[in-house]
Amino acid sequence: MSAIPSTILVVEDDDIVRMLIVDVLEELEFKVLEADGSEQALEILEVLDQRIDLMMTDVGLPGMDGRELADKARALRPALPIMFASGYAENIDVPDGMHLIGKPFSIDQLRDKVKGILGN
């Protein structure tokens, strides 16, 4: 009997980047939900009655940025682990209990960071 895969919500407005991240995470046997922006991500978090083990969000989203999204996501799901992805990682102040991966990142870096956060 295999373990239930962890579910990751990927929030990325760039379709190609989102597709690549989703493909990598699915190859690593995670279940992946996709959102192309903050509004869609919040709708998923509010409406979907499903466990989400990690939200990975771009910091530079149009409209509501990734930091604002993280605050609203935590209001809906207080224990939700959040990982920011940013090309400007050195300029990001990451709140306690949240994580950061700098863009561009390798498949190995993404795998190691996600597994480290999820503890598997």
Protein backbone atom coordinates (compact mmCIF):
# COMPACT_ATOMS: atom_id res chain seq x y z
CA MET A 1 0.00 0.00 0.00
CA SER A 2 1.53 3.31 -1.07
CA ALA A 3 1.36 6.50 0.96
CA ILE A 4 -1.08 9.23 0.03
CA PRO A 5 0.87 11.83 -1.95
CA SER A 6 1.23 15.31 -0.51
CA THR A 7 -0.82 18.00 -2.25
CA ILE A 8 0.88 21.20 -3.35
CA LEU A 9 -0.89 24.34 -4.56
CA VAL A 10 1.30 26.11 -7.12
CA VAL A 11 0.52 29.80 -7.66
CA GLU A 12 2.36 31.27 -10.65
CA ASP A 13 1.10 33.79 -13.22
CA ASP A 14 3.61 32.79 -15.92
CA ASP A 15 1.98 29.84 -17.72
CA ILE A 16 5.27 28.28 -18.87
CA VAL A 17 6.94 28.54 -15.46
CA ARG A 18 3.82 27.14 -13.75
CA MET A 19 3.66 24.25 -16.23
CA LEU A 20 7.32 23.37 -15.63
CA ILE A 21 6.96 23.47 -11.84
CA VAL A 22 3.80 21.35 -12.00
CA ASP A 23 5.47 18.81 -14.31
CA VAL A 24 8.47 18.47 -11.98
CA LEU A 25 6.32 18.10 -8.86
CA GLU A 26 4.10 15.52 -10.55
CA GLU A 27 7.19 13.56 -11.64
CA LEU A 28 8.21 13.62 -7.96
CA GLU A 29 4.80 12.02 -7.26
CA PHE A 30 3.12 14.97 -5.59
CA LYS A 31 -0.50 15.82 -6.28
CA VAL A 32 -0.58 19.35 -7.69
CA LEU A 33 -3.27 22.02 -7.82
CA GLU A 34 -2.65 25.06 -10.03
CA ALA A 35 -3.62 28.71 -9.76
CA ASP A 36 -2.62 31.45 -12.19
CA GLY A 37 -2.92 34.17 -9.56
CA SER A 38 -3.91 35.13 -6.04
CA GLU A 39 -7.66 35.28 -6.63
CA GLN A 40 -7.77 31.76 -8.08
CA ALA A 41 -5.56 30.47 -5.26
CA LEU A 42 -7.83 31.96 -2.59
CA GLU A 43 -10.86 30.44 -4.31
CA ILE A 44 -9.19 27.01 -4.19
CA LEU A 45 -8.32 27.46 -0.51
CA GLU A 46 -11.84 28.64 0.38
CA VAL A 47 -13.94 26.28 -1.72
CA LEU A 48 -11.97 23.07 -2.04
CA ASP A 49 -12.58 20.77 0.89
CA GLN A 50 -9.26 19.02 0.51
CA ARG A 51 -6.01 18.81 2.43
CA ILE A 52 -3.31 21.04 0.97
CA ASP A 53 0.14 20.32 2.38
CA LEU A 54 2.06 23.24 0.87
CA MET A 55 1.39 26.40 -1.09
CA MET A 56 4.19 27.46 -3.39
CA THR A 57 3.68 30.99 -4.65
CA ASP A 58 5.54 33.45 -6.79
CA VAL A 59 6.21 36.66 -4.88
CA GLY A 60 5.67 38.95 -7.87
CA LEU A 61 2.07 38.23 -8.76
CA PRO A 62 -0.03 40.91 -10.44
CA GLY A 63 -2.64 42.51 -8.21
CA MET A 64 -2.33 40.89 -4.79
CA ASP A 65 1.32 39.86 -4.44
CA GLY A 66 2.58 36.62 -2.94
CA ARG A 67 3.09 38.10 0.55
CA GLU A 68 -0.50 39.38 0.70
CA LEU A 69 -1.71 36.03 -0.63
CA ALA A 70 0.26 34.22 2.09
CA ASP A 71 -1.38 36.33 4.80
CA LYS A 72 -4.87 35.63 3.44
CA ALA A 73 -4.09 31.94 2.92
CA ARG A 74 -2.91 31.64 6.53
CA ALA A 75 -6.12 33.31 7.71
CA LEU A 76 -8.07 30.56 5.91
CA ARG A 77 -5.71 27.69 6.78
CA PRO A 78 -3.49 28.70 9.72
CA ALA A 79 -1.20 25.65 9.58
CA LEU A 80 -0.56 25.83 5.81
CA PRO A 81 3.16 25.75 5.00
CA ILE A 82 4.06 28.41 2.45
CA MET A 83 7.07 28.60 0.16
CA PHE A 84 7.81 31.73 -1.83
CA ALA A 85 9.59 31.56 -5.18
CA SER A 86 11.39 34.72 -6.28
CA GLY A 87 14.05 35.88 -8.68
CA TYR A 88 14.93 38.50 -6.09
CA ALA A 89 15.41 36.16 -3.15
CA GLU A 90 18.05 38.32 -1.44
CA ASN A 91 15.51 41.17 -1.16
CA ILE A 92 12.69 39.12 0.38
CA ASP A 93 11.87 39.23 4.07
CA VAL A 94 10.41 35.79 4.80
CA PRO A 95 8.09 35.61 7.81
CA ASP A 96 8.64 32.94 10.44
CA GLY A 97 7.23 29.57 9.43
CA MET A 98 7.48 30.36 5.73
CA HIS A 99 10.15 29.34 3.24
CA LEU A 100 11.91 30.72 0.18
CA ILE A 101 13.42 29.29 -2.98
CA GLY A 102 15.29 31.56 -5.37
CA LYS A 103 14.57 31.54 -9.09
CA PRO A 104 15.95 30.07 -11.18
CA PHE A 105 16.14 26.80 -9.30
CA SER A 106 17.12 23.32 -10.38
CA ILE A 107 14.89 20.27 -10.20
CA ASP A 108 17.08 18.96 -7.38
CA GLN A 109 16.79 22.22 -5.43
CA LEU A 110 13.01 22.20 -5.80
CA ARG A 111 12.77 18.55 -4.76
CA ASP A 112 15.03 19.02 -1.74
CA LYS A 113 13.28 22.19 -0.58
CA VAL A 114 9.76 20.73 -0.91
CA LYS A 115 10.70 17.43 0.76
CA GLY A 116 12.46 19.35 3.54
CA ILE A 117 9.36 21.44 4.22
CA LEU A 118 7.02 18.44 4.09
CA GLY A 119 9.36 16.26 6.10
CA ASN A 120 9.61 13.40 3.60
